[in-house]
Protein backbone atom coordinates (compact mmCIF):
# COMPACT_ATOMS: atom_id res chain seq x y z
CA MET A 1 -164.31 119.78 -137.60
CA ILE A 2 -162.59 116.47 -136.79
CA THR A 3 -160.11 114.70 -139.07
CA ILE A 4 -159.42 110.98 -138.68
CA GLU A 5 -156.38 109.65 -140.51
CA LEU A 6 -156.21 106.00 -141.57
CA SER A 7 -153.04 104.42 -142.92
CA ASP A 8 -153.05 102.57 -146.23
CA GLU A 9 -153.13 99.29 -144.30
CA GLN A 10 -156.10 100.45 -142.22
CA ARG A 11 -157.99 101.48 -145.35
CA GLU A 12 -157.40 98.01 -146.79
CA LEU A 13 -158.70 96.44 -143.56
CA LEU A 14 -161.77 98.69 -143.74
CA TRP A 15 -162.53 97.90 -147.39
CA GLY A 16 -161.82 94.20 -146.87
CA PHE A 17 -164.32 94.21 -144.00
CA THR A 18 -167.05 96.13 -145.84
CA ARG A 19 -166.85 94.52 -149.32
CA PRO A 20 -168.41 91.13 -148.41
CA HIS A 21 -171.26 92.78 -146.49
CA THR A 22 -171.96 95.20 -149.32
CA ALA A 23 -171.76 92.49 -152.00
CA ALA A 24 -174.15 90.22 -150.08
CA HIS A 25 -176.71 92.98 -149.66
CA LEU A 26 -176.51 94.05 -153.30
CA ALA A 27 -176.80 90.41 -154.48
CA ALA A 28 -179.99 90.11 -152.42
CA GLY A 29 -181.38 93.30 -153.96
CA LEU A 30 -181.01 95.25 -150.73
CA GLU A 31 -179.45 98.60 -149.88
CA PRO A 32 -175.83 98.27 -148.76
CA PRO A 33 -175.46 98.30 -144.98
CA CYS A 34 -174.39 101.34 -143.00
CA VAL A 35 -170.82 101.15 -141.74
CA ARG A 36 -170.14 102.81 -138.41
CA LEU A 37 -166.63 104.00 -137.60
CA GLU A 38 -166.08 104.04 -133.83
CA ILE A 39 -163.17 105.94 -132.31
CA GLU A 40 -162.10 105.40 -128.71
CA LEU A 41 -160.34 108.53 -127.51
CA GLY A 42 -157.77 108.59 -124.74
CA GLY A 43 -157.51 104.90 -124.01
CA PRO A 44 -154.23 103.29 -122.97
CA TYR A 45 -153.22 102.96 -126.64
CA GLY A 46 -154.21 106.45 -127.80
CA CYS A 47 -157.07 106.70 -130.29
CA GLU A 48 -158.32 103.28 -131.45
CA ALA A 49 -160.71 102.80 -134.39
CA SER A 50 -163.15 100.02 -135.22
CA ALA A 51 -165.49 99.51 -138.18
CA VAL A 52 -168.92 98.13 -137.26
CA ILE A 53 -171.69 96.66 -139.42
CA GLY A 54 -174.58 95.39 -137.34
CA SER A 55 -173.01 93.02 -134.79
CA ALA A 56 -169.82 92.49 -136.86
CA ARG A 57 -166.78 94.46 -135.76
CA ARG A 58 -163.26 94.86 -137.19
CA GLY A 59 -160.53 96.62 -135.21
CA LEU A 60 -158.43 98.99 -137.30
CA GLY A 61 -155.85 99.91 -134.68
CA GLU A 62 -154.51 103.25 -133.58
CA VAL A 63 -155.51 106.28 -135.65
CA VAL A 64 -154.60 109.96 -135.68
CA VAL A 65 -157.47 112.23 -134.64
CA GLN A 66 -157.24 116.00 -135.01
CA VAL A 67 -159.84 118.45 -133.73
CA HIS A 68 -159.80 121.67 -135.76
CA ASP A 69 -161.00 124.98 -134.39
CA THR A 70 -163.28 126.35 -137.12
CA ALA A 71 -164.48 129.40 -135.14
CA ALA A 72 -163.75 132.72 -136.83
CA HIS A 73 -161.21 134.80 -134.92
């Protein structure tokens, strides 16, 4: 299992990015778009996250990523 932690500010950036896209789709009678969360691991700034809808992208900044060992011991 992987946990990705977003700060309150990052969550606001994410929701601010997705709301207009979702509202436009719903107003047109369409399904809301899929939002992709991309995480770049091990870059020069640690783990960087971006939200992506189609060709639109919004950087969220550095995030905390934890990989949990779920294997039974």
